[in-house]
Amino acid sequence: MIDELLQDARERMAKTVDSTRGEFTTVRTGRASPHLLDRIEVDYYGARTPLRQLANISASEARLLTVTPYDKSSIKAIEKSIIESDVGLTPSNDGNVVRLAIPELTEERRKELVKVVRGIAENGRVAVRNIRRDVMHDLRELKGAGEAGSDEEHRAEAELQELTDSRVKEIDDFLAGKEQEILEV
């Protein structure tokens, strides 16, 4: 039973780290990346729909993103969603394609983006710690029910703490890399 709890914790923490890494890709650096628009949702006929489902997004040049909607009538809604989002880009369209020029980042904007990625990293760390807390609670319940001995519980808690520390370190390593990428001129 203890092994099952630890395996569940491993899987959930791995998913959390992957999710955090995915969120890091949505933060803008000096280069154009289609992932910048991953978090944007468009009000499409009354339903909040991810932009990826409404349009083809590509980085046609180093500093230019093009958004080609599958339904041309959704261009205005796509533009509005991009303007209202936190990506800091101003769209322009020619009736068929929305173009997003990626400007050079100012020092002030770089510092803001570093704060954003630190917030994403902290959310990831908190999620990992919450998983640890839940599994610790389950371990204590097993001990209380007499299904696990005190030694087994302590050994499992130590292994769980090691796992938590390694996952938090992974998130911190991603954070350091992303900060460096953002601050790179």
N, C-alpha and C. Protein backbone atom coordinates (compact mmCIF):
# COMPACT_ATOMS: atom_id res chain seq x y z
N MET A 1 0.82 -1.20 0.00
CA MET A 1 0.00 0.00 0.00
C MET A 1 0.87 1.27 0.00
N ILE A 2 1.94 1.24 0.80
CA ILE A 2 2.83 2.39 0.87
C ILE A 2 3.49 2.62 -0.49
N ASP A 3 3.90 1.51 -1.15
CA ASP A 3 4.53 1.64 -2.47
C ASP A 3 3.57 2.25 -3.48
N GLU A 4 2.29 1.89 -3.38
CA GLU A 4 1.28 2.46 -4.28
C GLU A 4 1.15 3.96 -4.06
N LEU A 5 1.14 4.38 -2.80
CA LEU A 5 1.05 5.81 -2.50
C LEU A 5 2.25 6.56 -3.06
N LEU A 6 3.44 6.00 -2.87
CA LEU A 6 4.65 6.66 -3.36
C LEU A 6 4.66 6.72 -4.89
N GLN A 7 4.22 5.65 -5.54
CA GLN A 7 4.16 5.63 -7.00
C GLN A 7 3.17 6.68 -7.51
N ASP A 8 2.04 6.78 -6.84
CA ASP A 8 1.05 7.79 -7.20
C ASP A 8 1.65 9.19 -7.05
N ALA A 9 2.38 9.41 -5.96
CA ALA A 9 3.02 10.72 -5.74
C ALA A 9 4.02 11.00 -6.85
N ARG A 10 4.83 9.99 -7.24
CA ARG A 10 5.81 10.18 -8.32
C ARG A 10 5.12 10.63 -9.61
N GLU A 11 4.04 9.93 -9.96
CA GLU A 11 3.33 10.25 -11.19
C GLU A 11 2.71 11.64 -11.15
N ARG A 12 2.07 11.96 -10.04
CA ARG A 12 1.42 13.27 -9.94
C ARG A 12 2.44 14.40 -9.94
N MET A 13 3.56 14.20 -9.25
CA MET A 13 4.59 15.24 -9.23
C MET A 13 5.23 15.40 -10.62
N ALA A 14 5.42 14.31 -11.33
CA ALA A 14 5.98 14.39 -12.69
C ALA A 14 5.03 15.19 -13.59
N LYS A 15 3.73 14.95 -13.46
CA LYS A 15 2.75 15.70 -14.25
C LYS A 15 2.78 17.18 -13.90
N THR A 16 2.95 17.48 -12.63
CA THR A 16 3.01 18.87 -12.19
C THR A 16 4.22 19.57 -12.79
N VAL A 17 5.38 18.89 -12.76
CA VAL A 17 6.60 19.47 -13.33
C VAL A 17 6.42 19.68 -14.83
N ASP A 18 5.83 18.72 -15.53
CA ASP A 18 5.59 18.86 -16.97
C ASP A 18 4.65 20.03 -17.26
N SER A 19 3.62 20.17 -16.44
CA SER A 19 2.68 21.26 -16.61
C SER A 19 3.37 22.61 -16.41
N THR A 20 4.21 22.68 -15.39
CA THR A 20 4.94 23.92 -15.11
C THR A 20 5.87 24.25 -16.28
N ARG A 21 6.55 23.23 -16.78
CA ARG A 21 7.45 23.43 -17.93
C ARG A 21 6.65 23.94 -19.12
N GLY A 22 5.45 23.40 -19.32
CA GLY A 22 4.59 23.85 -20.41
C GLY A 22 4.18 25.31 -20.25
N GLU A 23 3.89 25.70 -19.02
CA GLU A 23 3.52 27.10 -18.77
C GLU A 23 4.69 28.03 -19.04
N PHE A 24 5.91 27.57 -18.76
CA PHE A 24 7.09 28.40 -19.04
C PHE A 24 7.19 28.72 -20.53
N THR A 25 6.79 27.78 -21.39
CA THR A 25 6.90 28.02 -22.83
C THR A 25 5.94 29.10 -23.30
N THR A 26 4.91 29.39 -22.51
CA THR A 26 3.94 30.40 -22.93
C THR A 26 4.41 31.82 -22.58
N VAL A 27 5.54 31.94 -21.88
CA VAL A 27 6.05 33.26 -21.53
C VAL A 27 7.00 33.73 -22.62
N ARG A 28 6.80 34.95 -23.04
CA ARG A 28 7.52 35.52 -24.16
C ARG A 28 8.97 35.80 -23.83
N THR A 29 9.83 35.43 -24.77
CA THR A 29 11.23 35.84 -24.70
C THR A 29 11.47 36.72 -25.92
N GLY A 30 12.68 36.91 -26.33
CA GLY A 30 12.95 37.78 -27.47
C GLY A 30 12.57 37.17 -28.82
N ARG A 31 12.24 35.90 -28.86
CA ARG A 31 11.94 35.22 -30.12
C ARG A 31 10.46 34.90 -30.25
N ALA A 32 10.02 34.76 -31.50
CA ALA A 32 8.63 34.38 -31.76
C ALA A 32 8.48 32.88 -31.55
N SER A 33 7.47 32.48 -30.82
CA SER A 33 7.17 31.07 -30.60
C SER A 33 5.65 30.90 -30.59
N PRO A 34 5.13 29.94 -31.35
CA PRO A 34 3.68 29.73 -31.34
C PRO A 34 3.12 29.42 -29.95
N HIS A 35 3.97 28.93 -29.05
CA HIS A 35 3.52 28.61 -27.69
C HIS A 35 3.14 29.85 -26.89
N LEU A 36 3.55 31.02 -27.35
CA LEU A 36 3.20 32.26 -26.64
C LEU A 36 1.68 32.43 -26.53
N LEU A 37 0.97 31.86 -27.48
CA LEU A 37 -0.48 32.06 -27.54
C LEU A 37 -1.26 30.87 -26.98
N ASP A 38 -0.58 29.92 -26.36
CA ASP A 38 -1.24 28.72 -25.84
C ASP A 38 -2.32 29.01 -24.80
N ARG A 39 -2.12 30.03 -23.98
CA ARG A 39 -3.07 30.31 -22.89
C ARG A 39 -4.26 31.16 -23.33
N ILE A 40 -4.23 31.65 -24.57
CA ILE A 40 -5.28 32.56 -25.02
C ILE A 40 -6.54 31.80 -25.41
N GLU A 41 -7.66 32.27 -24.87
CA GLU A 41 -8.96 31.70 -25.21
C GLU A 41 -9.79 32.79 -25.88
N VAL A 42 -10.54 32.40 -26.89
CA VAL A 42 -11.33 33.33 -27.68
C VAL A 42 -12.82 33.08 -27.41
N ASP A 43 -13.58 34.16 -27.31
CA ASP A 43 -15.03 34.02 -27.16
C ASP A 43 -15.59 33.75 -28.56
N TYR A 44 -15.77 32.49 -28.88
CA TYR A 44 -16.19 32.06 -30.22
C TYR A 44 -17.64 31.59 -30.17
N TYR A 45 -18.54 32.40 -30.65
CA TYR A 45 -19.98 32.12 -30.62
C TYR A 45 -20.45 31.78 -29.21
N GLY A 46 -20.00 32.58 -28.25
CA GLY A 46 -20.46 32.42 -26.87
C GLY A 46 -19.71 31.39 -26.04
N ALA A 47 -18.78 30.67 -26.62
CA ALA A 47 -18.02 29.65 -25.87
C ALA A 47 -16.55 30.03 -25.82
N ARG A 48 -15.94 29.89 -24.64
CA ARG A 48 -14.50 30.15 -24.49
C ARG A 48 -13.76 28.99 -25.16
N THR A 49 -13.05 29.29 -26.23
CA THR A 49 -12.37 28.26 -27.03
C THR A 49 -10.89 28.60 -27.13
N PRO A 50 -9.99 27.62 -26.90
CA PRO A 50 -8.56 27.89 -27.05
C PRO A 50 -8.24 28.35 -28.48
N LEU A 51 -7.37 29.33 -28.60
CA LEU A 51 -7.00 29.88 -29.90
C LEU A 51 -6.45 28.79 -30.82
N ARG A 52 -5.72 27.84 -30.27
CA ARG A 52 -5.14 26.75 -31.07
C ARG A 52 -6.20 25.96 -31.83
N GLN A 53 -7.44 25.92 -31.31
CA GLN A 53 -8.51 25.18 -31.97
C GLN A 53 -9.19 25.99 -33.06
N LEU A 54 -8.94 27.30 -33.07
CA LEU A 54 -9.60 28.18 -34.03
C LEU A 54 -8.70 28.62 -35.18
N ALA A 55 -7.39 28.42 -35.01
CA ALA A 55 -6.47 28.97 -36.00
C ALA A 55 -5.15 28.20 -36.04
N ASN A 56 -4.47 28.35 -37.17
CA ASN A 56 -3.13 27.81 -37.31
C ASN A 56 -2.16 28.91 -36.88
N ILE A 57 -1.28 28.62 -35.94
CA ILE A 57 -0.34 29.62 -35.43
C ILE A 57 1.06 29.20 -35.86
N SER A 58 1.78 30.13 -36.48
CA SER A 58 3.13 29.79 -36.90
C SER A 58 4.07 30.98 -36.71
N ALA A 59 5.34 30.66 -36.56
CA ALA A 59 6.39 31.68 -36.44
C ALA A 59 7.05 31.76 -37.82
N SER A 60 6.53 32.65 -38.68
CA SER A 60 7.02 32.73 -40.04
C SER A 60 8.40 33.40 -40.14
N GLU A 61 8.71 34.24 -39.16
CA GLU A 61 10.03 34.87 -39.08
C GLU A 61 10.45 34.87 -37.62
N ALA A 62 11.69 35.28 -37.36
CA ALA A 62 12.21 35.27 -35.98
C ALA A 62 11.40 36.17 -35.05
N ARG A 63 10.85 37.26 -35.58
CA ARG A 63 10.11 38.20 -34.74
C ARG A 63 8.68 38.42 -35.23
N LEU A 64 8.08 37.40 -35.87
CA LEU A 64 6.72 37.55 -36.37
C LEU A 64 5.94 36.26 -36.21
N LEU A 65 4.78 36.39 -35.57
CA LEU A 65 3.84 35.26 -35.47
C LEU A 65 2.68 35.53 -36.41
N THR A 66 2.23 34.49 -37.09
CA THR A 66 1.04 34.64 -37.93
C THR A 66 -0.03 33.69 -37.42
N VAL A 67 -1.24 34.22 -37.33
CA VAL A 67 -2.39 33.45 -36.87
C VAL A 67 -3.38 33.41 -38.03
N THR A 68 -3.57 32.21 -38.60
CA THR A 68 -4.48 32.05 -39.73
C THR A 68 -5.74 31.33 -39.25
N PRO A 69 -6.84 32.07 -39.07
CA PRO A 69 -8.06 31.44 -38.56
C PRO A 69 -8.69 30.49 -39.60
N TYR A 70 -9.27 29.41 -39.12
CA TYR A 70 -9.97 28.48 -39.99
C TYR A 70 -11.28 29.11 -40.45
N ASP A 71 -11.86 29.95 -39.61
CA ASP A 71 -13.10 30.64 -39.93
C ASP A 71 -12.78 32.14 -39.95
N LYS A 72 -12.78 32.73 -41.15
CA LYS A 72 -12.38 34.14 -41.31
C LYS A 72 -13.23 35.10 -40.49
N SER A 73 -14.47 34.71 -40.18
CA SER A 73 -15.34 35.60 -39.42
C SER A 73 -14.90 35.73 -37.96
N SER A 74 -13.97 34.89 -37.52
CA SER A 74 -13.53 34.95 -36.12
C SER A 74 -12.32 35.86 -35.91
N ILE A 75 -11.86 36.53 -36.97
CA ILE A 75 -10.66 37.37 -36.86
C ILE A 75 -10.81 38.46 -35.79
N LYS A 76 -11.94 39.15 -35.77
CA LYS A 76 -12.14 40.23 -34.79
C LYS A 76 -12.09 39.69 -33.36
N ALA A 77 -12.73 38.54 -33.13
CA ALA A 77 -12.73 37.94 -31.78
C ALA A 77 -11.31 37.51 -31.39
N ILE A 78 -10.55 36.99 -32.34
CA ILE A 78 -9.17 36.57 -32.06
C ILE A 78 -8.33 37.79 -31.70
N GLU A 79 -8.46 38.85 -32.50
CA GLU A 79 -7.72 40.09 -32.21
C GLU A 79 -8.05 40.62 -30.82
N LYS A 80 -9.34 40.65 -30.49
CA LYS A 80 -9.78 41.16 -29.20
C LYS A 80 -9.18 40.35 -28.05
N SER A 81 -9.16 39.02 -28.18
CA SER A 81 -8.62 38.15 -27.13
C SER A 81 -7.12 38.37 -26.96
N ILE A 82 -6.40 38.57 -28.06
CA ILE A 82 -4.95 38.79 -27.98
C ILE A 82 -4.67 40.12 -27.29
N ILE A 83 -5.45 41.15 -27.63
CA ILE A 83 -5.26 42.47 -27.02
C ILE A 83 -5.53 42.40 -25.51
N GLU A 84 -6.58 41.67 -25.11
CA GLU A 84 -6.96 41.59 -23.70
C GLU A 84 -6.05 40.68 -22.88
N SER A 85 -5.25 39.86 -23.55
CA SER A 85 -4.38 38.91 -22.83
C SER A 85 -3.16 39.63 -22.26
N ASP A 86 -2.34 38.84 -21.53
CA ASP A 86 -1.15 39.43 -20.91
C ASP A 86 0.12 39.24 -21.74
N VAL A 87 0.00 38.88 -23.02
CA VAL A 87 1.21 38.63 -23.83
C VAL A 87 1.88 39.92 -24.26
N GLY A 88 1.17 41.03 -24.26
CA GLY A 88 1.78 42.31 -24.57
C GLY A 88 2.08 42.50 -26.05
N LEU A 89 1.26 41.94 -26.93
CA LEU A 89 1.45 42.08 -28.37
C LEU A 89 0.24 42.76 -28.98
N THR A 90 0.49 43.55 -30.02
CA THR A 90 -0.59 44.24 -30.71
C THR A 90 -0.81 43.58 -32.07
N PRO A 91 -1.99 43.02 -32.28
CA PRO A 91 -2.25 42.33 -33.56
C PRO A 91 -2.61 43.31 -34.68
N SER A 92 -2.31 42.88 -35.90
CA SER A 92 -2.78 43.60 -37.08
C SER A 92 -3.27 42.53 -38.06
N ASN A 93 -4.32 42.85 -38.83
CA ASN A 93 -4.82 41.84 -39.76
C ASN A 93 -5.09 42.44 -41.12
N ASP A 94 -5.08 41.55 -42.12
CA ASP A 94 -5.37 41.97 -43.49
C ASP A 94 -6.68 41.35 -43.99
N GLY A 95 -7.50 40.86 -43.05
CA GLY A 95 -8.76 40.23 -43.41
C GLY A 95 -8.66 38.71 -43.47
N ASN A 96 -7.46 38.19 -43.64
CA ASN A 96 -7.25 36.74 -43.72
C ASN A 96 -6.33 36.22 -42.62
N VAL A 97 -5.33 37.01 -42.28
CA VAL A 97 -4.28 36.58 -41.35
C VAL A 97 -4.06 37.66 -40.29
N VAL A 98 -3.87 37.23 -39.03
CA VAL A 98 -3.51 38.15 -37.96
C VAL A 98 -2.00 38.05 -37.79
N ARG A 99 -1.33 39.19 -37.83
CA ARG A 99 0.12 39.21 -37.66
C ARG A 99 0.46 39.84 -36.31
N LEU A 100 1.42 39.23 -35.62
CA LEU A 100 1.87 39.73 -34.34
C LEU A 100 3.38 39.95 -34.42
N ALA A 101 3.78 41.20 -34.47
CA ALA A 101 5.20 41.52 -34.49
C ALA A 101 5.72 41.45 -33.06
N ILE A 102 6.82 40.73 -32.87
CA ILE A 102 7.41 40.58 -31.55
C ILE A 102 8.47 41.68 -31.39
N PRO A 103 8.17 42.71 -30.60
CA PRO A 103 9.15 43.79 -30.44
C PRO A 103 10.32 43.36 -29.55
N GLU A 104 11.38 44.10 -29.66
CA GLU A 104 12.54 43.88 -28.79
C GLU A 104 12.07 44.16 -27.35
N LEU A 105 12.47 43.32 -26.42
CA LEU A 105 12.04 43.49 -25.03
C LEU A 105 12.84 44.61 -24.37
N THR A 106 12.12 45.49 -23.66
CA THR A 106 12.80 46.52 -22.88
C THR A 106 13.27 45.90 -21.56
N GLU A 107 14.18 46.56 -20.89
CA GLU A 107 14.68 46.06 -19.61
C GLU A 107 13.54 45.93 -18.61
N GLU A 108 12.64 46.91 -18.61
CA GLU A 108 11.50 46.89 -17.69
C GLU A 108 10.59 45.68 -17.97
N ARG A 109 10.32 45.43 -19.25
CA ARG A 109 9.46 44.30 -19.62
C ARG A 109 10.13 42.97 -19.28
N ARG A 110 11.45 42.91 -19.45
CA ARG A 110 12.19 41.68 -19.09
C ARG A 110 12.01 41.39 -17.60
N LYS A 111 12.10 42.43 -16.78
CA LYS A 111 11.95 42.25 -15.33
C LYS A 111 10.52 41.79 -14.99
N GLU A 112 9.53 42.36 -15.70
CA GLU A 112 8.14 41.92 -15.48
C GLU A 112 7.97 40.45 -15.84
N LEU A 113 8.58 40.04 -16.96
CA LEU A 113 8.47 38.65 -17.41
C LEU A 113 9.18 37.70 -16.44
N VAL A 114 10.28 38.15 -15.85
CA VAL A 114 10.96 37.34 -14.84
C VAL A 114 10.03 37.13 -13.64
N LYS A 115 9.30 38.18 -13.26
CA LYS A 115 8.33 38.04 -12.16
C LYS A 115 7.24 37.04 -12.52
N VAL A 116 6.79 37.08 -13.78
CA VAL A 116 5.75 36.15 -14.23
C VAL A 116 6.25 34.71 -14.13
N VAL A 117 7.47 34.44 -14.63
CA VAL A 117 7.96 33.05 -14.59
C VAL A 117 8.25 32.61 -13.15
N ARG A 118 8.66 33.54 -12.30
CA ARG A 118 8.84 33.17 -10.89
C ARG A 118 7.51 32.79 -10.25
N GLY A 119 6.43 33.49 -10.63
CA GLY A 119 5.10 33.15 -10.14
C GLY A 119 4.66 31.77 -10.62
N ILE A 120 4.95 31.47 -11.89
CA ILE A 120 4.61 30.15 -12.45
C ILE A 120 5.38 29.07 -11.69
N ALA A 121 6.67 29.33 -11.45
CA ALA A 121 7.50 28.36 -10.72
C ALA A 121 6.98 28.16 -9.30
N GLU A 122 6.59 29.23 -8.65
CA GLU A 122 6.08 29.11 -7.28
C GLU A 122 4.79 28.30 -7.26
N ASN A 123 3.93 28.52 -8.24
CA ASN A 123 2.70 27.72 -8.33
C ASN A 123 3.03 26.24 -8.51
N GLY A 124 4.04 25.95 -9.30
CA GLY A 124 4.47 24.56 -9.49
C GLY A 124 4.99 23.96 -8.20
N ARG A 125 5.82 24.73 -7.48
CA ARG A 125 6.37 24.24 -6.20
C ARG A 125 5.24 23.97 -5.20
N VAL A 126 4.28 24.89 -5.14
CA VAL A 126 3.15 24.72 -4.22
C VAL A 126 2.36 23.46 -4.57
N ALA A 127 2.16 23.22 -5.86
CA ALA A 127 1.42 22.02 -6.28
C ALA A 127 2.16 20.76 -5.86
N VAL A 128 3.49 20.76 -6.02
CA VAL A 128 4.30 19.59 -5.61
C VAL A 128 4.19 19.39 -4.10
N ARG A 129 4.27 20.48 -3.35
CA ARG A 129 4.18 20.38 -1.88
C ARG A 129 2.79 19.91 -1.44
N ASN A 130 1.76 20.32 -2.18
CA ASN A 130 0.40 19.87 -1.85
C ASN A 130 0.27 18.37 -2.07
N ILE A 131 0.90 17.85 -3.10
CA ILE A 131 0.88 16.41 -3.34
C ILE A 131 1.57 15.71 -2.17
N ARG A 132 2.73 16.25 -1.75
CA ARG A 132 3.44 15.68 -0.61
C ARG A 132 2.56 15.67 0.64
N ARG A 133 1.89 16.79 0.88
CA ARG A 133 1.02 16.89 2.06
C ARG A 133 -0.08 15.83 2.02
N ASP A 134 -0.71 15.67 0.86
CA ASP A 134 -1.78 14.68 0.72
C ASP A 134 -1.28 13.26 0.98
N VAL A 135 -0.12 12.92 0.42
CA VAL A 135 0.42 11.57 0.59
C VAL A 135 0.86 11.36 2.04
N MET A 136 1.44 12.38 2.67
CA MET A 136 1.82 12.29 4.09
C MET A 136 0.58 11.99 4.94
N HIS A 137 -0.51 12.66 4.63
CA HIS A 137 -1.76 12.45 5.35
C HIS A 137 -2.21 11.00 5.19
N ASP A 138 -2.14 10.48 3.96
CA ASP A 138 -2.53 9.10 3.71
C ASP A 138 -1.63 8.12 4.46
N LEU A 139 -0.33 8.42 4.51
CA LEU A 139 0.61 7.55 5.24
C LEU A 139 0.27 7.51 6.72
N ARG A 140 -0.06 8.66 7.28
CA ARG A 140 -0.40 8.72 8.71
C ARG A 140 -1.71 7.96 8.98
N GLU A 141 -2.64 8.04 8.02
CA GLU A 141 -3.88 7.28 8.18
C GLU A 141 -3.62 5.77 8.17
N LEU A 142 -2.70 5.34 7.30
CA LEU A 142 -2.34 3.91 7.26
C LEU A 142 -1.75 3.47 8.60
N LYS A 143 -0.87 4.31 9.14
CA LYS A 143 -0.24 4.00 10.42
C LYS A 143 -1.30 3.95 11.52
N GLY A 144 -2.20 4.94 11.49
CA GLY A 144 -3.26 5.00 12.50
C GLY A 144 -4.20 3.81 12.42
N ALA A 145 -4.41 3.28 11.22
CA ALA A 145 -5.30 2.14 11.04
C ALA A 145 -4.58 0.82 11.33
N GLY A 146 -3.28 0.92 11.59
CA GLY A 146 -2.52 -0.29 11.90
C GLY A 146 -2.09 -1.07 10.67
N GLU A 147 -2.24 -0.47 9.47
CA GLU A 147 -1.84 -1.16 8.25
C GLU A 147 -0.36 -0.98 7.93
N ALA A 148 0.29 -0.05 8.62
CA ALA A 148 1.72 0.19 8.40
C ALA A 148 2.37 0.49 9.73
N GLY A 149 3.60 0.03 9.88
CA GLY A 149 4.34 0.29 11.11
C GLY A 149 4.97 1.66 11.11
N SER A 150 5.42 2.06 12.27
CA SER A 150 6.03 3.38 12.42
C SER A 150 7.29 3.50 11.57
N ASP A 151 8.11 2.45 11.55
CA ASP A 151 9.35 2.47 10.77
C ASP A 151 9.05 2.61 9.27
N GLU A 152 8.06 1.83 8.81
CA GLU A 152 7.69 1.89 7.40
C GLU A 152 7.22 3.30 7.04
N GLU A 153 6.42 3.90 7.94
CA GLU A 153 5.92 5.24 7.68
C GLU A 153 7.06 6.24 7.59
N HIS A 154 8.01 6.17 8.53
CA HIS A 154 9.14 7.12 8.52
C HIS A 154 9.99 6.94 7.26
N ARG A 155 10.21 5.68 6.86
CA ARG A 155 10.99 5.42 5.65
C ARG A 155 10.28 6.01 4.42
N ALA A 156 8.96 5.81 4.35
CA ALA A 156 8.17 6.33 3.23
C ALA A 156 8.16 7.86 3.22
N GLU A 157 8.06 8.45 4.41
CA GLU A 157 8.08 9.92 4.50
C GLU A 157 9.42 10.48 4.04
N ALA A 158 10.51 9.80 4.40
CA ALA A 158 11.84 10.25 3.98
C ALA A 158 11.96 10.15 2.45
N GLU A 159 11.47 9.06 1.88
CA GLU A 159 11.52 8.88 0.42
C GLU A 159 10.65 9.93 -0.27
N LEU A 160 9.49 10.21 0.30
CA LEU A 160 8.59 11.21 -0.25
C LEU A 160 9.24 12.60 -0.21
N GLN A 161 9.93 12.90 0.87
CA GLN A 161 10.60 14.20 0.98
C GLN A 161 11.71 14.32 -0.06
N GLU A 162 12.46 13.23 -0.26
CA GLU A 162 13.50 13.23 -1.30
C GLU A 162 12.90 13.49 -2.67
N LEU A 163 11.80 12.82 -2.95
CA LEU A 163 11.11 12.99 -4.23
C LEU A 163 10.64 14.43 -4.40
N THR A 164 10.07 14.98 -3.34
CA THR A 164 9.59 16.36 -3.38
C THR A 164 10.75 17.32 -3.65
N ASP A 165 11.86 17.13 -2.94
CA ASP A 165 13.02 17.99 -3.13
C ASP A 165 13.55 17.92 -4.56
N SER A 166 13.58 16.72 -5.13
CA SER A 166 14.11 16.59 -6.49
C SER A 166 13.17 17.26 -7.51
N ARG A 167 11.86 17.15 -7.30
CA ARG A 167 10.91 17.79 -8.23
C ARG A 167 10.96 19.30 -8.11
N VAL A 168 11.09 19.82 -6.89
CA VAL A 168 11.21 21.27 -6.69
C VAL A 168 12.50 21.77 -7.34
N LYS A 169 13.57 20.99 -7.23
CA LYS A 169 14.85 21.37 -7.86
C LYS A 169 14.69 21.40 -9.38
N GLU A 170 13.95 20.44 -9.95
CA GLU A 170 13.70 20.45 -11.40
C GLU A 170 13.02 21.75 -11.81
N ILE A 171 11.99 22.14 -11.05
CA ILE A 171 11.27 23.38 -11.36
C ILE A 171 12.22 24.57 -11.25
N ASP A 172 13.06 24.59 -10.20
CA ASP A 172 14.01 25.68 -10.03
C ASP A 172 15.02 25.74 -11.17
N ASP A 173 15.43 24.57 -11.67
CA ASP A 173 16.36 24.53 -12.80
C ASP A 173 15.70 25.10 -14.06
N PHE A 174 14.44 24.72 -14.30
CA PHE A 174 13.71 25.29 -15.45
C PHE A 174 13.60 26.80 -15.30
N LEU A 175 13.30 27.24 -14.08
CA LEU A 175 13.16 28.66 -13.81
C LEU A 175 14.46 29.40 -14.13
N ALA A 176 15.58 28.87 -13.67
CA ALA A 176 16.87 29.51 -13.90
C ALA A 176 17.14 29.63 -15.40
N GLY A 177 16.84 28.57 -16.14
CA GLY A 177 17.06 28.59 -17.59
C GLY A 177 16.17 29.61 -18.28
N LYS A 178 14.92 29.67 -17.86
CA LYS A 178 13.97 30.61 -18.47
C LYS A 178 14.33 32.05 -18.13
N GLU A 179 14.75 32.29 -16.89
CA GLU A 179 15.18 33.65 -16.51
C GLU A 179 16.36 34.08 -17.37
N GLN A 180 17.31 33.19 -17.56
CA GLN A 180 18.48 33.50 -18.37
C GLN A 180 18.06 33.81 -19.81
N GLU A 181 17.13 33.02 -20.33
CA GLU A 181 16.64 33.24 -21.70
C GLU A 181 15.95 34.59 -21.82
N ILE A 182 15.18 34.97 -20.81
CA ILE A 182 14.46 36.25 -20.85
C ILE A 182 15.44 37.43 -20.75
N LEU A 183 16.41 37.30 -19.87
CA LEU A 183 17.33 38.40 -19.62
C LEU A 183 18.42 38.52 -20.68
N GLU A 184 18.53 37.51 -21.55
CA GLU A 184 19.53 37.52 -22.62
C GLU A 184 19.18 38.63 -23.60
N VAL A 185 20.14 39.48 -23.90
CA VAL A 185 19.89 40.62 -24.81
C VAL A 185 20.35 40.27 -26.20
